[in-house]
Amino acid sequence: MSATATLLFSCPDQKGLVAKLANFIYSNGGNIIQADQHTDFSAQLFITRIEWQLDGFNLPRDVIEPAFSAIAAPMNATWQIHFSEVIPRMAIWVSKQDHCLLDLLWRQKAGELNGSVSLILSNHLDLKPIADQFGIDYYHIPITKDTKAQQELQQLELLQHHKINLVVLAKYMQVLSADFVEKFPCVINIHHSFLPAFAGANPYQRAYDRGVKIIGATAHYATPDLDEGPIIEQDVIRVTHRDDTKDLIRKGKDLERMVLARAVRSHLQHRVLVYGNRTVVFT
């Protein structure tokens, strides 16, 4: 497939938006291959994703954003343009559980994820053999209450050094500080419940104690508020009175793998647009 550009765009709803955006691409020789849009009437917000081929497009890549800015500014728009040949660099953070890590690595190796895994970071050494198996750098940074601020500075330096675009918390059982998230906001977390139900720690035990008939998993962007970030992907599975906490954990792990993988894939394909504490995920 030829190189493409993808526009993620939102602005106050008004007449003629689709025509103006399509005309920018058409008048410069572009061929739109995907286009989707949504209007949030409660917020009076227009949201769209447009992908077009760059073969035959009259504007060089370094001119596209400045040229489009002249059109977007009068619309009071928020927007970003991504180019398909730019491969995002990911850092996967883990603690001791390996199921989400292995799933992401297998999918990336199989070509399902449009991103490279540049490093694996953990507060434990348990999963280093997996990193060695896949030939990925593994960084062990223990975290305690007394060292958290200092260690987060070290983590940020690693992300900057490796030019990381996305951090994936694949069962990283630590809470990121508000300062960290402010400095590096592009973080996807997997939470083992169907948020907003059972936010925080031990959701499977709490779900069992409550006698639920459905459990779920949620992938969301990390924010300073624990488990309150914009939701990207969710799924559920039925459970019964015969399932104990271990059964819920076993079934939940399957959900966690699938939900996290779908969220990461959507992000890497530039299909997620965040506004406020909500997302539009274009399929």
C-alpha atoms as a PDB file:
ATOM      1  CA  MET A   1       0.000   0.000   0.000  1.00  0.00           C
ATOM      2  CA  SER A   2       1.286   3.458  -0.882  1.00  0.00           C
ATOM      3  CA  ALA A   3       2.150   5.994   1.801  1.00  0.00           C
ATOM      4  CA  THR A   4      -0.787   7.819   3.329  1.00  0.00           C
ATOM      5  CA  ALA A   5      -1.551  10.770   5.558  1.00  0.00           C
ATOM      6  CA  THR A   6      -4.231  10.621   8.254  1.00  0.00           C
ATOM      7  CA  LEU A   7      -6.028  13.657   9.631  1.00  0.00           C
ATOM      8  CA  LEU A   8      -7.727  13.587  13.027  1.00  0.00           C
ATOM      9  CA  PHE A   9      -9.828  16.723  13.331  1.00  0.00           C
ATOM     10  CA  SER A  10     -12.406  18.267  15.633  1.00  0.00           C
ATOM     11  CA  CYS A  11     -14.018  21.691  15.801  1.00  0.00           C
ATOM     12  CA  PRO A  12     -17.302  23.381  16.721  1.00  0.00           C
ATOM     13  CA  ASP A  13     -19.990  22.049  14.402  1.00  0.00           C
ATOM     14  CA  GLN A  14     -20.803  24.288  11.441  1.00  0.00           C
ATOM     15  CA  LYS A  15     -21.955  24.015   7.852  1.00  0.00           C
ATOM     16  CA  GLY A  16     -19.579  23.040   5.051  1.00  0.00           C
ATOM     17  CA  LEU A  17     -16.899  21.305   7.115  1.00  0.00           C
ATOM     18  CA  VAL A  18     -16.800  18.094   5.115  1.00  0.00           C
ATOM     19  CA  ALA A  19     -16.591  20.022   1.852  1.00  0.00           C
ATOM     20  CA  LYS A  20     -13.770  22.260   3.103  1.00  0.00           C
ATOM     21  CA  LEU A  21     -11.666  19.340   4.331  1.00  0.00           C
ATOM     22  CA  ALA A  22     -12.257  17.226   1.233  1.00  0.00           C
ATOM     23  CA  ASN A  23     -11.511  20.187  -1.020  1.00  0.00           C
ATOM     24  CA  PHE A  24      -8.141  20.739   0.662  1.00  0.00           C
ATOM     25  CA  ILE A  25      -7.156  17.191  -0.251  1.00  0.00           C
ATOM     26  CA  TYR A  26      -8.761  17.193  -3.714  1.00  0.00           C
ATOM     27  CA  SER A  27      -7.348  20.575  -4.765  1.00  0.00           C
ATOM     28  CA  ASN A  28      -3.844  19.323  -3.949  1.00  0.00           C
ATOM     29  CA  GLY A  29      -4.216  16.123  -5.970  1.00  0.00           C
ATOM     30  CA  GLY A  30      -4.976  13.747  -3.095  1.00  0.00           C
ATOM     31  CA  ASN A  31      -7.098  10.603  -3.211  1.00  0.00           C
ATOM     32  CA  ILE A  32      -9.165   9.914  -0.083  1.00  0.00           C
ATOM     33  CA  ILE A  33      -9.235   6.205   0.778  1.00  0.00           C
ATOM     34  CA  GLN A  34     -11.001   6.350   4.156  1.00  0.00           C
ATOM     35  CA  ALA A  35     -13.252   8.952   5.716  1.00  0.00           C
ATOM     36  CA  ASP A  36     -15.460   8.798   8.780  1.00  0.00           C
ATOM     37  CA  GLN A  37     -17.141  11.438  10.885  1.00  0.00           C
ATOM     38  CA  HIS A  38     -19.221  11.954  13.997  1.00  0.00           C
ATOM     39  CA  THR A  39     -21.122  14.883  15.460  1.00  0.00           C
ATOM     40  CA  ASP A  40     -21.530  15.113  19.220  1.00  0.00           C
ATOM     41  CA  PHE A  41     -24.712  17.192  19.341  1.00  0.00           C
ATOM     42  CA  SER A  42     -24.557  17.655  23.109  1.00  0.00           C
ATOM     43  CA  ALA A  43     -21.142  19.302  22.759  1.00  0.00           C
ATOM     44  CA  GLN A  44     -21.895  20.765  19.303  1.00  0.00           C
ATOM     45  CA  LEU A  45     -18.628  19.231  18.133  1.00  0.00           C
ATOM     46  CA  PHE A  46     -17.748  17.855  14.702  1.00  0.00           C
ATOM     47  CA  ILE A  47     -15.159  15.049  14.652  1.00  0.00           C
ATOM     48  CA  THR A  48     -13.611  13.323  11.658  1.00  0.00           C
ATOM     49  CA  ARG A  49     -10.827  11.026  10.492  1.00  0.00           C
ATOM     50  CA  ILE A  50      -9.669  11.253   6.870  1.00  0.00           C
ATOM     51  CA  GLU A  51      -6.902   9.182   5.288  1.00  0.00           C
ATOM     52  CA  TRP A  52      -5.547   9.917   1.826  1.00  0.00           C
ATOM     53  CA  GLN A  53      -2.793   8.647  -0.452  1.00  0.00           C
ATOM     54  CA  LEU A  54       0.354  10.718  -0.742  1.00  0.00           C
ATOM     55  CA  ASP A  55       1.279   9.442  -4.212  1.00  0.00           C
ATOM     56  CA  GLY A  56       0.474  12.326  -6.524  1.00  0.00           C
ATOM     57  CA  PHE A  57      -0.234  14.729  -3.667  1.00  0.00           C
ATOM     58  CA  ASN A  58       1.115  18.133  -4.673  1.00  0.00           C
ATOM     59  CA  LEU A  59       2.329  19.273  -1.250  1.00  0.00           C
ATOM     60  CA  PRO A  60       5.587  17.956   0.251  1.00  0.00           C
ATOM     61  CA  ARG A  61       5.213  16.388   3.681  1.00  0.00           C
ATOM     62  CA  ASP A  62       6.834  19.298   5.491  1.00  0.00           C
ATOM     63  CA  VAL A  63       4.396  21.728   3.874  1.00  0.00           C
ATOM     64  CA  ILE A  64       1.155  19.818   4.524  1.00  0.00           C
ATOM     65  CA  GLU A  65       0.725  20.855   8.161  1.00  0.00           C
ATOM     66  CA  PRO A  66       1.460  24.574   7.651  1.00  0.00           C
ATOM     67  CA  ALA A  67      -0.840  24.641   4.631  1.00  0.00           C
ATOM     68  CA  PHE A  68      -3.661  22.897   6.462  1.00  0.00           C
ATOM     69  CA  SER A  69      -3.201  25.161   9.491  1.00  0.00           C
ATOM     70  CA  ALA A  70      -4.345  28.127   7.415  1.00  0.00           C
ATOM     71  CA  ILE A  71      -7.633  26.328   6.792  1.00  0.00           C
ATOM     72  CA  ALA A  72      -8.110  24.939  10.308  1.00  0.00           C
ATOM     73  CA  ALA A  73      -7.387  28.139  12.250  1.00  0.00           C
ATOM     74  CA  PRO A  74     -10.613  29.992  11.284  1.00  0.00           C
ATOM     75  CA  MET A  75     -12.612  26.900  12.312  1.00  0.00           C
ATOM     76  CA  ASN A  76     -11.188  26.979  15.857  1.00  0.00           C
ATOM     77  CA  ALA A  77     -10.113  23.386  15.264  1.00  0.00           C
ATOM     78  CA  THR A  78      -7.968  20.868  17.116  1.00  0.00           C
ATOM     79  CA  TRP A  79      -6.163  18.571  14.721  1.00  0.00           C
ATOM     80  CA  GLN A  80      -3.174  16.364  14.008  1.00  0.00           C
ATOM     81  CA  ILE A  81      -1.733  14.777  10.870  1.00  0.00           C
ATOM     82  CA  HIS A  82       0.124  11.458  10.856  1.00  0.00           C
ATOM     83  CA  PHE A  83       2.135   9.840   8.068  1.00  0.00           C
ATOM     84  CA  SER A  84       2.019   6.070   7.572  1.00  0.00           C
ATOM     85  CA  GLU A  85       5.755   5.664   7.017  1.00  0.00           C
ATOM     86  CA  VAL A  86       6.482   7.067  10.497  1.00  0.00           C
ATOM     87  CA  ILE A  87       6.446   4.006  12.759  1.00  0.00           C
ATOM     88  CA  PRO A  88       5.573   4.844  16.404  1.00  0.00           C
ATOM     89  CA  ARG A  89       7.994   3.636  19.060  1.00  0.00           C
ATOM     90  CA  MET A  90       6.438   1.873  22.067  1.00  0.00           C
ATOM     91  CA  ALA A  91       7.631   1.151  25.591  1.00  0.00           C
ATOM     92  CA  ILE A  92       5.816  -1.661  27.399  1.00  0.00           C
ATOM     93  CA  TRP A  93       5.755  -1.441  31.182  1.00  0.00           C
ATOM     94  CA  VAL A  94       5.078  -4.514  33.303  1.00  0.00           C
ATOM     95  CA  SER A  95       5.338  -5.841  36.847  1.00  0.00           C
ATOM     96  CA  LYS A  96       5.114  -9.628  37.306  1.00  0.00           C
ATOM     97  CA  GLN A  97       2.183 -10.754  35.129  1.00  0.00           C
ATOM     98  CA  ASP A  98       3.192 -11.770  31.622  1.00  0.00           C
ATOM     99  CA  HIS A  99      -0.054 -12.400  29.708  1.00  0.00           C
ATOM    100  CA  CYS A 100      -0.532  -8.914  28.247  1.00  0.00           C
ATOM    101  CA  LEU A 101       3.174  -8.492  27.532  1.00  0.00           C
ATOM    102  CA  LEU A 102       3.427 -11.774  25.626  1.00  0.00           C
ATOM    103  CA  ASP A 103       0.263 -11.043  23.667  1.00  0.00           C
ATOM    104  CA  LEU A 104       1.519  -7.633  22.541  1.00  0.00           C
ATOM    105  CA  LEU A 105       4.936  -9.011  21.584  1.00  0.00           C
ATOM    106  CA  TRP A 106       3.406 -11.859  19.578  1.00  0.00           C
ATOM    107  CA  ARG A 107       1.067  -9.482  17.768  1.00  0.00           C
ATOM    108  CA  GLN A 108       3.847  -7.020  17.035  1.00  0.00           C
ATOM    109  CA  LYS A 109       6.070  -9.793  15.680  1.00  0.00           C
ATOM    110  CA  ALA A 110       3.190 -11.037  13.514  1.00  0.00           C
ATOM    111  CA  GLY A 111       2.752  -7.557  12.020  1.00  0.00           C
ATOM    112  CA  GLU A 112      -0.611  -6.847  13.658  1.00  0.00           C
ATOM    113  CA  LEU A 113       0.597  -3.692  15.414  1.00  0.00           C
ATOM    114  CA  ASN A 114       1.938  -0.784  13.427  1.00  0.00           C
ATOM    115  CA  GLY A 115       4.642   0.080  15.938  1.00  0.00           C
ATOM    116  CA  SER A 116       8.014  -1.031  17.214  1.00  0.00           C
ATOM    117  CA  VAL A 117       8.701  -2.139  20.793  1.00  0.00           C
ATOM    118  CA  SER A 118      11.813  -0.232  21.774  1.00  0.00           C
ATOM    119  CA  LEU A 119      12.030  -1.238  25.437  1.00  0.00           C
ATOM    120  CA  ILE A 120      10.378  -3.107  28.280  1.00  0.00           C
ATOM    121  CA  LEU A 121      10.436  -1.517  31.718  1.00  0.00           C
ATOM    122  CA  SER A 122       9.546  -3.123  35.023  1.00  0.00           C
ATOM    123  CA  ASN A 123       9.745  -2.643  38.759  1.00  0.00           C
ATOM    124  CA  HIS A 124      10.670  -6.345  39.014  1.00  0.00           C
ATOM    125  CA  LEU A 125      13.104  -8.687  37.284  1.00  0.00           C
ATOM    126  CA  ASP A 126      10.637 -11.561  36.764  1.00  0.00           C
ATOM    127  CA  LEU A 127       9.910 -10.913  33.077  1.00  0.00           C
ATOM    128  CA  LYS A 128      13.435 -10.174  31.884  1.00  0.00           C
ATOM    129  CA  PRO A 129      13.743 -13.628  30.236  1.00  0.00           C
ATOM    130  CA  ILE A 130      10.853 -12.687  27.931  1.00  0.00           C
ATOM    131  CA  ALA A 131      12.630  -9.495  26.875  1.00  0.00           C
ATOM    132  CA  ASP A 132      15.812 -11.492  26.251  1.00  0.00           C
ATOM    133  CA  GLN A 133      13.858 -14.008  24.173  1.00  0.00           C
ATOM    134  CA  PHE A 134      12.539 -11.234  21.916  1.00  0.00           C
ATOM    135  CA  GLY A 135      15.822  -9.295  21.878  1.00  0.00           C
ATOM    136  CA  ILE A 136      14.362  -6.182  23.530  1.00  0.00           C
ATOM    137  CA  ASP A 137      16.138  -3.983  26.072  1.00  0.00           C
ATOM    138  CA  TYR A 138      14.818  -4.528  29.603  1.00  0.00           C
ATOM    139  CA  TYR A 139      15.114  -1.857  32.270  1.00  0.00           C
ATOM    140  CA  HIS A 140      14.611  -2.723  35.925  1.00  0.00           C
ATOM    141  CA  ILE A 141      13.596   0.295  37.982  1.00  0.00           C
ATOM    142  CA  PRO A 142      12.280  -0.634  41.453  1.00  0.00           C
ATOM    143  CA  ILE A 143       9.713   1.765  42.891  1.00  0.00           C
ATOM    144  CA  THR A 144       9.145   2.655  46.525  1.00  0.00           C
ATOM    145  CA  LYS A 145       7.294   5.554  48.117  1.00  0.00           C
ATOM    146  CA  ASP A 146      10.621   7.158  49.035  1.00  0.00           C
ATOM    147  CA  THR A 147      12.168   6.768  45.562  1.00  0.00           C
ATOM    148  CA  LYS A 148       9.118   7.253  43.320  1.00  0.00           C
ATOM    149  CA  ALA A 149       9.848  10.843  42.249  1.00  0.00           C
ATOM    150  CA  GLN A 150      13.498  10.110  41.521  1.00  0.00           C
ATOM    151  CA  GLN A 151      12.696   6.906  39.636  1.00  0.00           C
ATOM    152  CA  GLU A 152      10.054   8.600  37.525  1.00  0.00           C
ATOM    153  CA  LEU A 153      12.662  11.115  36.413  1.00  0.00           C
ATOM    154  CA  GLN A 154      14.825   8.204  35.329  1.00  0.00           C
ATOM    155  CA  GLN A 155      11.860   6.701  33.470  1.00  0.00           C
ATOM    156  CA  LEU A 156      11.213   9.974  31.659  1.00  0.00           C
ATOM    157  CA  GLU A 157      14.864  10.173  30.643  1.00  0.00           C
ATOM    158  CA  LEU A 158      14.628   6.666  29.181  1.00  0.00           C
ATOM    159  CA  LEU A 159      11.546   7.594  27.188  1.00  0.00           C
ATOM    160  CA  GLN A 160      13.256  10.677  25.828  1.00  0.00           C
ATOM    161  CA  HIS A 161      16.479   8.816  25.024  1.00  0.00           C
ATOM    162  CA  HIS A 162      14.618   6.093  23.099  1.00  0.00           C
ATOM    163  CA  LYS A 163      12.275   8.642  21.435  1.00  0.00           C
ATOM    164  CA  ILE A 164       9.216   6.807  22.717  1.00  0.00           C
ATOM    165  CA  ASN A 165       5.827   7.857  21.348  1.00  0.00           C
ATOM    166  CA  LEU A 166       3.581   5.561  23.417  1.00  0.00           C
ATOM    167  CA  VAL A 167       3.822   3.871  26.806  1.00  0.00           C
ATOM    168  CA  VAL A 168       1.651   0.773  27.287  1.00  0.00           C
ATOM    169  CA  LEU A 169       0.999  -0.247  30.878  1.00  0.00           C
ATOM    170  CA  ALA A 170       0.602  -4.007  30.351  1.00  0.00           C
ATOM    171  CA  LYS A 171      -0.242  -4.852  33.966  1.00  0.00           C
ATOM    172  CA  TYR A 172       2.225  -2.386  35.448  1.00  0.00           C
ATOM    173  CA  MET A 173       0.950  -2.402  39.001  1.00  0.00           C
ATOM    174  CA  GLN A 174       2.075   1.093  39.914  1.00  0.00           C
ATOM    175  CA  VAL A 175       0.196   4.395  39.881  1.00  0.00           C
ATOM    176  CA  LEU A 176       1.845   7.072  37.760  1.00  0.00           C
ATOM    177  CA  SER A 177       2.139  10.461  39.417  1.00  0.00           C
ATOM    178  CA  ALA A 178       0.282  13.491  38.088  1.00  0.00           C
ATOM    179  CA  ASP A 179       3.655  15.075  37.299  1.00  0.00           C
ATOM    180  CA  PHE A 180       4.677  12.105  35.151  1.00  0.00           C
ATOM    181  CA  VAL A 181       1.410  12.050  33.198  1.00  0.00           C
ATOM    182  CA  GLU A 182       1.649  15.784  32.615  1.00  0.00           C
ATOM    183  CA  LYS A 183       5.156  15.409  31.161  1.00  0.00           C
ATOM    184  CA  PHE A 184       4.330  12.260  29.147  1.00  0.00           C
ATOM    185  CA  PRO A 185       0.570  12.081  28.527  1.00  0.00           C
ATOM    186  CA  CYS A 186       0.498   9.362  25.859  1.00  0.00           C
ATOM    187  CA  VAL A 187      -0.009   6.312  28.109  1.00  0.00           C
ATOM    188  CA  ILE A 188      -2.483   3.444  27.626  1.00  0.00           C
ATOM    189  CA  ASN A 189      -3.431   1.381  30.668  1.00  0.00           C
ATOM    190  CA  ILE A 190      -5.348  -1.900  30.968  1.00  0.00           C
ATOM    191  CA  HIS A 191      -7.645  -2.155  33.965  1.00  0.00           C
ATOM    192  CA  HIS A 192      -9.126  -5.480  34.985  1.00  0.00           C
ATOM    193  CA  SER A 193     -12.753  -4.407  35.332  1.00  0.00           C
ATOM    194  CA  PHE A 194     -15.517  -2.866  33.265  1.00  0.00           C
ATOM    195  CA  LEU A 195     -14.993   0.722  34.345  1.00  0.00           C
ATOM    196  CA  PRO A 196     -16.415   2.659  36.075  1.00  0.00           C
ATOM    197  CA  ALA A 197     -17.267  -0.453  38.108  1.00  0.00           C
ATOM    198  CA  PHE A 198     -14.576  -1.663  40.541  1.00  0.00           C
ATOM    199  CA  ALA A 199     -11.961   0.996  39.901  1.00  0.00           C
ATOM    200  CA  GLY A 200      -8.754   0.685  41.904  1.00  0.00           C
ATOM    201  CA  ALA A 201      -7.213  -2.416  43.444  1.00  0.00           C
ATOM    202  CA  ASN A 202      -8.491  -6.019  43.670  1.00  0.00           C
ATOM    203  CA  PRO A 203     -11.438  -5.685  41.270  1.00  0.00           C
ATOM    204  CA  TYR A 204     -11.848  -9.444  40.746  1.00  0.00           C
ATOM    205  CA  GLN A 205     -12.158 -10.122  44.453  1.00  0.00           C
ATOM    206  CA  ARG A 206     -14.590  -7.246  44.812  1.00  0.00           C
ATOM    207  CA  ALA A 207     -16.589  -8.504  41.818  1.00  0.00           C
ATOM    208  CA  TYR A 208     -16.756 -11.974  43.373  1.00  0.00           C
ATOM    209  CA  ASP A 209     -17.846 -10.534  46.707  1.00  0.00           C
ATOM    210  CA  ARG A 210     -20.593  -8.585  44.931  1.00  0.00           C
ATOM    211  CA  GLY A 211     -21.792 -11.678  43.075  1.00  0.00           C
ATOM    212  CA  VAL A 212     -21.629 -10.146  39.599  1.00  0.00           C
ATOM    213  CA  LYS A 213     -22.716 -12.106  36.521  1.00  0.00           C
ATOM    214  CA  ILE A 214     -20.507 -10.182  34.101  1.00  0.00           C
ATOM    215  CA  ILE A 215     -16.853  -9.166  34.403  1.00  0.00           C
ATOM    216  CA  GLY A 216     -14.949  -6.939  32.045  1.00  0.00           C
ATOM    217  CA  ALA A 217     -11.732  -5.197  31.103  1.00  0.00           C
ATOM    218  CA  THR A 218     -11.067  -1.589  30.102  1.00  0.00           C
ATOM    219  CA  ALA A 219      -8.225   0.038  28.177  1.00  0.00           C
ATOM    220  CA  HIS A 220      -7.964   3.776  28.721  1.00  0.00           C
ATOM    221  CA  TYR A 221      -5.529   6.652  28.528  1.00  0.00           C
ATOM    222  CA  ALA A 222      -3.837   7.333  31.848  1.00  0.00           C
ATOM    223  CA  THR A 223      -4.619  10.610  33.612  1.00  0.00           C
ATOM    224  CA  PRO A 224      -3.743  11.978  37.055  1.00  0.00           C
ATOM    225  CA  ASP A 225      -7.069  10.578  38.319  1.00  0.00           C
ATOM    226  CA  LEU A 226      -6.733   6.816  38.869  1.00  0.00           C
ATOM    227  CA  ASP A 227      -8.740   4.760  36.347  1.00  0.00           C
ATOM    228  CA  GLU A 228     -10.652   7.858  35.207  1.00  0.00           C
ATOM    229  CA  GLY A 229      -8.978   8.483  31.845  1.00  0.00           C
ATOM    230  CA  PRO A 230     -10.704   8.491  28.430  1.00  0.00           C
ATOM    231  CA  ILE A 231     -11.816   4.952  27.565  1.00  0.00           C
ATOM    232  CA  ILE A 232     -10.569   3.446  24.300  1.00  0.00           C
ATOM    233  CA  GLU A 233     -11.835  -0.139  24.425  1.00  0.00           C
ATOM    234  CA  GLN A 234     -13.901  -2.425  26.673  1.00  0.00           C
ATOM    235  CA  ASP A 235     -15.297  -5.934  26.642  1.00  0.00           C
ATOM    236  CA  VAL A 236     -17.155  -8.293  28.974  1.00  0.00           C
ATOM    237  CA  ILE A 237     -17.689 -12.002  29.598  1.00  0.00           C
ATOM    238  CA  ARG A 238     -20.365 -13.807  31.608  1.00  0.00           C
ATOM    239  CA  VAL A 239     -19.560 -15.598  34.863  1.00  0.00           C
ATOM    240  CA  THR A 240     -21.714 -17.717  37.136  1.00  0.00           C
ATOM    241  CA  HIS A 241     -22.137 -18.569  40.795  1.00  0.00           C
ATOM    242  CA  ARG A 242     -19.844 -21.561  40.207  1.00  0.00           C
ATOM    243  CA  ASP A 243     -16.878 -19.305  39.428  1.00  0.00           C
ATOM    244  CA  ASP A 244     -14.606 -18.412  42.313  1.00  0.00           C
ATOM    245  CA  THR A 245     -12.088 -15.568  42.348  1.00  0.00           C
ATOM    246  CA  LYS A 246      -9.455 -17.662  40.550  1.00  0.00           C
ATOM    247  CA  ASP A 247     -11.935 -18.406  37.760  1.00  0.00           C
ATOM    248  CA  LEU A 248     -12.717 -14.714  37.412  1.00  0.00           C
ATOM    249  CA  ILE A 249      -9.015 -13.913  37.177  1.00  0.00           C
ATOM    250  CA  ARG A 250      -8.464 -16.648  34.563  1.00  0.00           C
ATOM    251  CA  LYS A 251     -11.377 -15.486  32.416  1.00  0.00           C
ATOM    252  CA  GLY A 252     -10.443 -11.863  32.959  1.00  0.00           C
ATOM    253  CA  LYS A 253      -6.920 -12.366  31.632  1.00  0.00           C
ATOM    254  CA  ASP A 254      -8.319 -13.388  28.260  1.00  0.00           C
ATOM    255  CA  LEU A 255     -10.337 -10.171  28.155  1.00  0.00           C
ATOM    256  CA  GLU A 256      -7.380  -8.058  29.246  1.00  0.00           C
ATOM    257  CA  ARG A 257      -5.231  -9.357  26.385  1.00  0.00           C
ATOM    258  CA  MET A 258      -7.853  -8.717  23.705  1.00  0.00           C
ATOM    259  CA  VAL A 259      -8.992  -5.348  25.006  1.00  0.00           C
ATOM    260  CA  LEU A 260      -5.469  -3.984  25.395  1.00  0.00           C
ATOM    261  CA  ALA A 261      -4.406  -5.230  21.960  1.00  0.00           C
ATOM    262  CA  ARG A 262      -7.429  -3.626  20.291  1.00  0.00           C
ATOM    263  CA  ALA A 263      -6.816  -0.331  22.074  1.00  0.00           C
ATOM    264  CA  VAL A 264      -3.125  -0.252  21.147  1.00  0.00           C
ATOM    265  CA  ARG A 265      -3.916  -1.162  17.541  1.00  0.00           C
ATOM    266  CA  SER A 266      -6.511   1.606  17.258  1.00  0.00           C
ATOM    267  CA  HIS A 267      -4.092   4.140  18.725  1.00  0.00           C
ATOM    268  CA  LEU A 268      -1.249   3.120  16.417  1.00  0.00           C
ATOM    269  CA  GLN A 269      -3.567   3.364  13.415  1.00  0.00           C
ATOM    270  CA  HIS A 270      -4.528   6.893  14.505  1.00  0.00           C
ATOM    271  CA  ARG A 271      -8.191   5.951  14.931  1.00  0.00           C
ATOM    272  CA  VAL A 272      -8.680   7.469  18.387  1.00  0.00           C
ATOM    273  CA  LEU A 273      -9.629  11.086  18.967  1.00  0.00           C
ATOM    274  CA  VAL A 274      -9.878  12.354  22.531  1.00  0.00           C
ATOM    275  CA  TYR A 275     -12.095  15.261  23.523  1.00  0.00           C
ATOM    276  CA  GLY A 276     -12.710  16.103  27.139  1.00  0.00           C
ATOM    277  CA  ASN A 277     -12.772  12.782  28.953  1.00  0.00           C
ATOM    278  CA  ARG A 278     -14.354  10.937  26.024  1.00  0.00           C
ATOM    279  CA  THR A 279     -13.058   9.292  22.878  1.00  0.00           C
ATOM    280  CA  VAL A 280     -14.271   8.616  19.382  1.00  0.00           C
ATOM    281  CA  VAL A 281     -12.728   5.408  18.041  1.00  0.00           C
ATOM    282  CA  PHE A 282     -13.131   5.150  14.279  1.00  0.00           C
ATOM    283  CA  THR A 283     -13.368   1.612  12.930  1.00  0.00           C
END
